[in-house]
N, C-alpha and C. Protein backbone atom coordinates (compact mmCIF):
# COMPACT_ATOMS: atom_id res chain seq x y z
N MET A 1 -5.91 55.66 -66.04
CA MET A 1 -5.52 57.03 -66.33
C MET A 1 -5.46 57.81 -65.01
N TYR A 2 -4.46 58.62 -64.87
CA TYR A 2 -4.27 59.41 -63.65
C TYR A 2 -4.95 60.76 -63.76
N GLU A 3 -5.47 61.23 -62.65
CA GLU A 3 -6.04 62.58 -62.56
C GLU A 3 -4.90 63.60 -62.64
N THR A 4 -5.10 64.66 -63.39
CA THR A 4 -4.04 65.66 -63.54
C THR A 4 -4.41 67.00 -62.93
N LYS A 5 -5.60 67.13 -62.39
CA LYS A 5 -6.05 68.40 -61.81
C LYS A 5 -5.20 68.76 -60.59
N THR A 6 -4.76 69.99 -60.52
CA THR A 6 -4.01 70.45 -59.34
C THR A 6 -4.62 71.69 -58.72
N GLY A 7 -5.70 72.21 -59.28
CA GLY A 7 -6.29 73.43 -58.74
C GLY A 7 -5.56 74.65 -59.25
N ARG A 8 -5.77 75.77 -58.58
CA ARG A 8 -5.19 77.04 -59.01
C ARG A 8 -4.14 77.52 -58.00
N TYR A 9 -2.94 77.69 -58.47
CA TYR A 9 -1.86 78.21 -57.66
C TYR A 9 -1.13 79.34 -58.38
N ASP A 10 -1.80 79.97 -59.34
CA ASP A 10 -1.14 80.94 -60.20
C ASP A 10 -0.53 82.11 -59.44
N GLU A 11 -1.31 82.74 -58.59
CA GLU A 11 -0.80 83.89 -57.85
C GLU A 11 -1.58 84.07 -56.56
N ILE A 12 -0.99 84.79 -55.65
CA ILE A 12 -1.65 85.05 -54.37
C ILE A 12 -2.55 86.28 -54.55
N PRO A 13 -3.85 86.14 -54.27
CA PRO A 13 -4.76 87.28 -54.40
C PRO A 13 -4.38 88.41 -53.43
N ASP A 14 -4.68 89.65 -53.83
CA ASP A 14 -4.36 90.81 -52.98
C ASP A 14 -5.00 90.69 -51.60
N GLY A 15 -6.25 90.23 -51.55
CA GLY A 15 -6.92 90.08 -50.25
C GLY A 15 -6.21 89.08 -49.36
N MET A 16 -5.68 88.03 -49.95
CA MET A 16 -4.93 87.03 -49.17
C MET A 16 -3.64 87.65 -48.65
N LYS A 17 -2.98 88.47 -49.45
CA LYS A 17 -1.77 89.15 -48.98
C LYS A 17 -2.08 90.02 -47.76
N ARG A 18 -3.20 90.75 -47.81
CA ARG A 18 -3.60 91.58 -46.67
C ARG A 18 -3.92 90.70 -45.45
N TYR A 19 -4.61 89.60 -45.70
CA TYR A 19 -4.93 88.67 -44.61
C TYR A 19 -3.63 88.19 -43.94
N ILE A 20 -2.69 87.72 -44.74
CA ILE A 20 -1.44 87.19 -44.19
C ILE A 20 -0.64 88.28 -43.48
N ASN A 21 -0.69 89.50 -43.99
CA ASN A 21 0.00 90.60 -43.30
C ASN A 21 -0.59 90.85 -41.91
N ASN A 22 -1.89 90.59 -41.75
CA ASN A 22 -2.55 90.79 -40.46
C ASN A 22 -2.46 89.58 -39.53
N TYR A 23 -2.58 88.39 -40.07
CA TYR A 23 -2.72 87.19 -39.24
C TYR A 23 -1.64 86.13 -39.48
N GLY A 24 -0.78 86.35 -40.44
CA GLY A 24 0.16 85.31 -40.82
C GLY A 24 -0.62 84.18 -41.48
N CYS A 25 0.01 83.04 -41.62
CA CYS A 25 -0.65 81.87 -42.21
C CYS A 25 -1.32 81.07 -41.11
N HIS A 26 -2.31 81.72 -40.49
CA HIS A 26 -3.06 81.12 -39.38
C HIS A 26 -4.52 81.51 -39.52
N PHE A 27 -5.38 80.75 -38.91
CA PHE A 27 -6.82 81.01 -38.95
C PHE A 27 -7.21 82.07 -37.94
N ASN A 28 -7.83 83.15 -38.40
CA ASN A 28 -8.52 84.03 -37.45
C ASN A 28 -9.91 83.43 -37.24
N LYS A 29 -10.69 84.03 -36.36
CA LYS A 29 -11.99 83.45 -36.02
C LYS A 29 -12.91 83.36 -37.23
N LYS A 30 -12.98 84.42 -38.03
CA LYS A 30 -13.90 84.43 -39.17
C LYS A 30 -13.50 83.40 -40.23
N LEU A 31 -12.21 83.29 -40.50
CA LEU A 31 -11.77 82.31 -41.50
C LEU A 31 -11.96 80.88 -40.97
N TYR A 32 -11.71 80.69 -39.68
CA TYR A 32 -11.97 79.39 -39.07
C TYR A 32 -13.44 79.00 -39.24
N GLU A 33 -14.34 79.94 -38.95
CA GLU A 33 -15.78 79.66 -39.08
C GLU A 33 -16.15 79.34 -40.53
N GLU A 34 -15.52 80.04 -41.49
CA GLU A 34 -15.74 79.73 -42.90
C GLU A 34 -15.24 78.33 -43.24
N ALA A 35 -14.06 77.99 -42.74
CA ALA A 35 -13.50 76.66 -43.00
C ALA A 35 -14.43 75.58 -42.48
N VAL A 36 -14.97 75.77 -41.28
CA VAL A 36 -15.88 74.77 -40.70
C VAL A 36 -17.19 74.71 -41.49
N SER A 37 -17.63 75.84 -42.02
CA SER A 37 -18.88 75.83 -42.81
C SER A 37 -18.73 74.98 -44.07
N ARG A 38 -17.50 74.69 -44.46
CA ARG A 38 -17.24 73.86 -45.63
C ARG A 38 -17.05 72.38 -45.27
N MET A 39 -17.16 72.08 -43.98
CA MET A 39 -16.94 70.71 -43.49
C MET A 39 -18.26 70.01 -43.22
N TYR A 40 -18.22 68.70 -43.31
CA TYR A 40 -19.33 67.87 -42.87
C TYR A 40 -18.78 66.52 -42.45
N LYS A 41 -19.56 65.82 -41.68
CA LYS A 41 -19.19 64.44 -41.35
C LYS A 41 -20.29 63.54 -41.89
N GLU A 42 -19.90 62.34 -42.23
CA GLU A 42 -20.86 61.38 -42.75
C GLU A 42 -21.31 60.46 -41.63
N VAL A 43 -22.61 60.38 -41.45
CA VAL A 43 -23.20 59.50 -40.46
C VAL A 43 -24.30 58.72 -41.16
N ASN A 44 -24.13 57.41 -41.23
CA ASN A 44 -25.10 56.55 -41.92
C ASN A 44 -25.39 57.06 -43.33
N ASP A 45 -24.33 57.36 -44.07
CA ASP A 45 -24.42 57.84 -45.46
C ASP A 45 -25.12 59.19 -45.60
N LYS A 46 -25.25 59.93 -44.50
CA LYS A 46 -25.82 61.28 -44.56
C LYS A 46 -24.72 62.27 -44.22
N LYS A 47 -24.74 63.40 -44.93
CA LYS A 47 -23.78 64.47 -44.67
C LYS A 47 -24.36 65.39 -43.60
N ILE A 48 -23.64 65.49 -42.48
CA ILE A 48 -24.06 66.33 -41.37
C ILE A 48 -23.13 67.53 -41.30
N ALA A 49 -23.69 68.73 -41.39
CA ALA A 49 -22.88 69.95 -41.34
C ALA A 49 -22.20 70.07 -39.97
N MET A 50 -20.97 70.52 -40.00
CA MET A 50 -20.22 70.75 -38.76
C MET A 50 -20.57 72.12 -38.20
N LYS A 51 -20.48 72.22 -36.89
CA LYS A 51 -20.64 73.50 -36.21
C LYS A 51 -19.30 73.86 -35.59
N PRO A 52 -18.92 75.13 -35.63
CA PRO A 52 -17.61 75.51 -35.10
C PRO A 52 -17.52 75.33 -33.58
N HIS A 53 -16.35 74.94 -33.14
CA HIS A 53 -16.05 74.88 -31.72
C HIS A 53 -15.54 76.24 -31.27
N THR A 54 -15.58 76.50 -29.98
CA THR A 54 -14.91 77.68 -29.46
C THR A 54 -13.47 77.29 -29.13
N LYS A 55 -12.61 78.30 -29.07
CA LYS A 55 -11.23 78.04 -28.65
C LYS A 55 -11.23 77.43 -27.26
N GLU A 56 -12.13 77.92 -26.41
CA GLU A 56 -12.20 77.43 -25.03
C GLU A 56 -12.57 75.95 -24.98
N HIS A 57 -13.44 75.52 -25.88
CA HIS A 57 -13.82 74.11 -25.91
C HIS A 57 -12.62 73.25 -26.30
N THR A 58 -11.86 73.70 -27.29
CA THR A 58 -10.66 72.96 -27.70
C THR A 58 -9.65 72.91 -26.56
N GLU A 59 -9.43 74.05 -25.90
CA GLU A 59 -8.49 74.09 -24.77
C GLU A 59 -8.94 73.18 -23.64
N GLU A 60 -10.26 73.14 -23.38
CA GLU A 60 -10.79 72.27 -22.33
C GLU A 60 -10.59 70.80 -22.68
N LEU A 61 -10.83 70.45 -23.95
CA LEU A 61 -10.62 69.07 -24.40
C LEU A 61 -9.17 68.66 -24.14
N LEU A 62 -8.23 69.49 -24.53
CA LEU A 62 -6.82 69.19 -24.33
C LEU A 62 -6.48 69.09 -22.84
N ARG A 63 -6.98 70.03 -22.07
CA ARG A 63 -6.72 70.05 -20.62
C ARG A 63 -7.26 68.79 -19.95
N ASN A 64 -8.42 68.32 -20.39
CA ASN A 64 -9.03 67.12 -19.81
C ASN A 64 -8.15 65.89 -19.96
N PHE A 65 -7.27 65.90 -20.95
CA PHE A 65 -6.38 64.78 -21.17
C PHE A 65 -4.92 65.13 -20.87
N GLY A 66 -4.73 66.21 -20.12
CA GLY A 66 -3.40 66.58 -19.65
C GLY A 66 -2.46 67.06 -20.74
N LEU A 67 -3.02 67.63 -21.80
CA LEU A 67 -2.19 68.07 -22.93
C LEU A 67 -2.14 69.59 -23.01
N ARG A 68 -0.98 70.09 -23.39
CA ARG A 68 -0.77 71.53 -23.55
C ARG A 68 -0.04 71.75 -24.87
N LEU A 69 -0.53 72.69 -25.65
CA LEU A 69 0.08 72.98 -26.95
C LEU A 69 1.22 73.98 -26.80
N GLU A 70 2.26 73.78 -27.58
CA GLU A 70 3.42 74.67 -27.57
C GLU A 70 3.39 75.64 -28.76
N ASN A 71 2.77 75.25 -29.86
CA ASN A 71 2.90 76.02 -31.10
C ASN A 71 1.59 76.53 -31.67
N ASN A 72 0.53 76.57 -30.88
CA ASN A 72 -0.75 77.01 -31.41
C ASN A 72 -0.75 78.52 -31.65
N LYS A 73 -1.35 78.90 -32.76
CA LYS A 73 -1.54 80.30 -33.10
C LYS A 73 -3.01 80.52 -33.46
N LEU A 74 -3.59 81.56 -32.92
CA LEU A 74 -4.96 81.96 -33.22
C LEU A 74 -5.92 80.78 -33.15
N TYR A 75 -6.58 80.43 -34.25
CA TYR A 75 -7.58 79.35 -34.26
C TYR A 75 -7.09 78.08 -34.93
N ASP A 76 -5.78 77.91 -35.07
CA ASP A 76 -5.26 76.73 -35.76
C ASP A 76 -5.66 75.43 -35.06
N ALA A 77 -5.49 75.35 -33.76
CA ALA A 77 -5.84 74.12 -33.03
C ALA A 77 -7.33 73.86 -33.09
N THR A 78 -8.12 74.92 -33.05
CA THR A 78 -9.57 74.76 -33.11
C THR A 78 -9.98 74.25 -34.49
N TYR A 79 -9.30 74.71 -35.52
CA TYR A 79 -9.53 74.17 -36.87
C TYR A 79 -9.20 72.68 -36.91
N VAL A 80 -8.05 72.29 -36.38
CA VAL A 80 -7.65 70.88 -36.38
C VAL A 80 -8.67 70.05 -35.61
N HIS A 81 -9.17 70.58 -34.50
CA HIS A 81 -10.19 69.91 -33.69
C HIS A 81 -11.41 69.61 -34.57
N SER A 82 -11.92 70.63 -35.27
CA SER A 82 -13.11 70.45 -36.11
C SER A 82 -12.85 69.50 -37.27
N MET A 83 -11.69 69.65 -37.91
CA MET A 83 -11.35 68.78 -39.05
C MET A 83 -11.24 67.33 -38.60
N CYS A 84 -10.62 67.11 -37.46
CA CYS A 84 -10.48 65.75 -36.95
C CYS A 84 -11.85 65.15 -36.63
N GLU A 85 -12.70 65.95 -35.99
CA GLU A 85 -14.03 65.47 -35.67
C GLU A 85 -14.82 65.12 -36.93
N ALA A 86 -14.70 65.96 -37.96
CA ALA A 86 -15.44 65.72 -39.20
C ALA A 86 -14.94 64.49 -39.94
N ASP A 87 -13.62 64.32 -39.99
CA ASP A 87 -13.06 63.31 -40.89
C ASP A 87 -12.60 62.02 -40.23
N TYR A 88 -12.22 62.05 -38.96
CA TYR A 88 -11.56 60.90 -38.36
C TYR A 88 -12.22 60.34 -37.10
N LEU A 89 -12.93 61.19 -36.35
CA LEU A 89 -13.50 60.73 -35.08
C LEU A 89 -14.49 59.60 -35.31
N GLY A 90 -14.31 58.52 -34.55
CA GLY A 90 -15.16 57.34 -34.70
C GLY A 90 -14.66 56.39 -35.77
N LYS A 91 -13.55 56.77 -36.41
CA LYS A 91 -12.94 55.93 -37.44
C LYS A 91 -11.51 55.64 -36.98
N SER A 92 -10.53 56.25 -37.62
CA SER A 92 -9.13 56.01 -37.22
C SER A 92 -8.79 56.70 -35.91
N VAL A 93 -9.58 57.68 -35.51
CA VAL A 93 -9.46 58.33 -34.20
C VAL A 93 -10.69 57.90 -33.41
N PRO A 94 -10.53 56.89 -32.53
CA PRO A 94 -11.70 56.24 -31.95
C PRO A 94 -12.48 57.05 -30.91
N ASP A 95 -11.82 58.00 -30.23
CA ASP A 95 -12.51 58.68 -29.15
C ASP A 95 -11.88 60.05 -28.88
N GLU A 96 -12.44 60.78 -27.93
CA GLU A 96 -11.96 62.14 -27.65
C GLU A 96 -10.52 62.16 -27.13
N ALA A 97 -10.11 61.15 -26.38
CA ALA A 97 -8.73 61.11 -25.90
C ALA A 97 -7.76 61.07 -27.07
N HIS A 98 -8.05 60.25 -28.04
CA HIS A 98 -7.20 60.16 -29.23
C HIS A 98 -7.32 61.42 -30.10
N MET A 99 -8.51 62.03 -30.11
CA MET A 99 -8.66 63.27 -30.85
C MET A 99 -7.79 64.36 -30.23
N ALA A 100 -7.76 64.43 -28.91
CA ALA A 100 -6.90 65.40 -28.23
C ALA A 100 -5.44 65.16 -28.60
N MET A 101 -5.02 63.90 -28.63
CA MET A 101 -3.63 63.59 -29.02
C MET A 101 -3.38 63.95 -30.49
N PHE A 102 -4.37 63.74 -31.35
CA PHE A 102 -4.25 64.11 -32.76
C PHE A 102 -4.03 65.62 -32.89
N ILE A 103 -4.81 66.40 -32.14
CA ILE A 103 -4.66 67.86 -32.17
C ILE A 103 -3.25 68.24 -31.73
N LYS A 104 -2.81 67.69 -30.62
CA LYS A 104 -1.47 67.97 -30.10
C LYS A 104 -0.40 67.57 -31.11
N ASP A 105 -0.49 66.37 -31.65
CA ASP A 105 0.50 65.90 -32.62
C ASP A 105 0.54 66.77 -33.86
N THR A 106 -0.61 67.23 -34.32
CA THR A 106 -0.67 68.04 -35.53
C THR A 106 -0.12 69.44 -35.28
N VAL A 107 -0.61 70.09 -34.24
CA VAL A 107 -0.20 71.48 -33.96
C VAL A 107 1.27 71.56 -33.56
N ASP A 108 1.74 70.59 -32.80
CA ASP A 108 3.12 70.62 -32.32
C ASP A 108 4.05 69.70 -33.11
N ASP A 109 3.69 69.40 -34.35
CA ASP A 109 4.52 68.57 -35.22
C ASP A 109 5.92 69.17 -35.33
N ALA A 110 6.92 68.42 -34.90
CA ALA A 110 8.30 68.93 -34.80
C ALA A 110 8.91 69.28 -36.14
N ASP A 111 8.51 68.62 -37.20
CA ASP A 111 9.14 68.91 -38.49
C ASP A 111 8.27 69.77 -39.40
N ALA A 112 7.26 70.42 -38.83
CA ALA A 112 6.38 71.29 -39.62
C ALA A 112 6.69 72.76 -39.32
N GLU A 113 6.60 73.55 -40.34
CA GLU A 113 6.83 75.00 -40.20
C GLU A 113 5.56 75.67 -39.69
N SER A 114 5.72 76.79 -39.04
CA SER A 114 4.58 77.59 -38.62
C SER A 114 3.74 77.94 -39.84
N GLY A 115 2.44 77.75 -39.75
CA GLY A 115 1.55 78.06 -40.86
C GLY A 115 1.16 76.87 -41.72
N PHE A 116 1.72 75.69 -41.44
CA PHE A 116 1.45 74.54 -42.30
C PHE A 116 -0.01 74.11 -42.28
N ILE A 117 -0.70 74.28 -41.15
CA ILE A 117 -2.11 73.87 -41.06
C ILE A 117 -2.95 74.73 -42.01
N PHE A 118 -2.77 76.03 -41.94
CA PHE A 118 -3.44 76.98 -42.83
C PHE A 118 -3.13 76.67 -44.29
N ASN A 119 -1.87 76.44 -44.59
CA ASN A 119 -1.45 76.19 -45.97
C ASN A 119 -2.03 74.89 -46.52
N ARG A 120 -2.14 73.88 -45.68
CA ARG A 120 -2.76 72.63 -46.15
C ARG A 120 -4.23 72.87 -46.48
N TRP A 121 -4.92 73.62 -45.62
CA TRP A 121 -6.32 73.92 -45.88
C TRP A 121 -6.45 74.73 -47.17
N TYR A 122 -5.61 75.74 -47.33
CA TYR A 122 -5.67 76.57 -48.54
C TYR A 122 -5.41 75.73 -49.79
N ALA A 123 -4.42 74.86 -49.73
CA ALA A 123 -4.13 73.99 -50.88
C ALA A 123 -5.33 73.11 -51.22
N ASP A 124 -6.00 72.59 -50.20
CA ASP A 124 -7.21 71.78 -50.44
C ASP A 124 -8.29 72.60 -51.13
N GLN A 125 -8.49 73.83 -50.67
CA GLN A 125 -9.53 74.68 -51.26
C GLN A 125 -9.22 74.98 -52.73
N MET A 126 -7.96 75.25 -53.02
CA MET A 126 -7.57 75.53 -54.40
C MET A 126 -7.72 74.27 -55.26
N PHE A 127 -7.33 73.13 -54.73
CA PHE A 127 -7.45 71.87 -55.47
C PHE A 127 -8.91 71.58 -55.82
N MET A 128 -9.82 71.89 -54.89
CA MET A 128 -11.24 71.61 -55.10
C MET A 128 -11.97 72.78 -55.77
N ASP A 129 -11.20 73.80 -56.21
CA ASP A 129 -11.77 74.98 -56.86
C ASP A 129 -12.86 75.63 -56.01
N LYS A 130 -12.56 75.78 -54.72
CA LYS A 130 -13.47 76.46 -53.79
C LYS A 130 -12.84 77.80 -53.43
N PRO A 131 -13.22 78.84 -54.14
CA PRO A 131 -12.59 80.15 -53.92
C PRO A 131 -12.85 80.71 -52.53
N ILE A 132 -11.97 81.59 -52.12
CA ILE A 132 -12.04 82.24 -50.81
C ILE A 132 -12.11 83.74 -51.07
N ASP A 133 -13.13 84.40 -50.55
CA ASP A 133 -13.24 85.84 -50.67
C ASP A 133 -12.48 86.46 -49.50
N TRP A 134 -11.20 86.65 -49.69
CA TRP A 134 -10.31 87.07 -48.61
C TRP A 134 -10.73 88.39 -47.97
N GLU A 135 -11.38 89.25 -48.74
CA GLU A 135 -11.76 90.56 -48.20
C GLU A 135 -12.71 90.40 -47.00
N GLU A 136 -13.47 89.32 -46.96
CA GLU A 136 -14.40 89.09 -45.85
C GLU A 136 -13.68 88.73 -44.55
N TYR A 137 -12.43 88.33 -44.62
CA TYR A 137 -11.74 87.78 -43.44
C TYR A 137 -10.61 88.66 -42.92
N VAL A 138 -10.31 89.73 -43.65
CA VAL A 138 -9.22 90.62 -43.23
C VAL A 138 -9.65 91.45 -42.04
């Protein structure tokens, strides 16, 4: 039997409309920090809470491997950095060099529209029924 749950996509909340009017479909610092607070990595079957990176740390990581982003907005690359570290680092992304390339490939994806990183995160939150209090992030 197939799972039929799709989460909630009924309407865009008013707070989200205000958020998007201010920041577009991109992570501001507060929403980025909230997104990271919902992340963890598994180490030896234990869930380890993630801590947010600074934008400067993400930029330094990229610079260390000679990479420069063309399409980064606000905290989008820093979100991808944290998500990659939580979910892929030490697995399909073996080391920091590959993580830097993952960030570059994701943020500068040629066939992706601006805002796709934010929208993927939002879709995941809706699918998992994890509400967002948009008023806190405007």
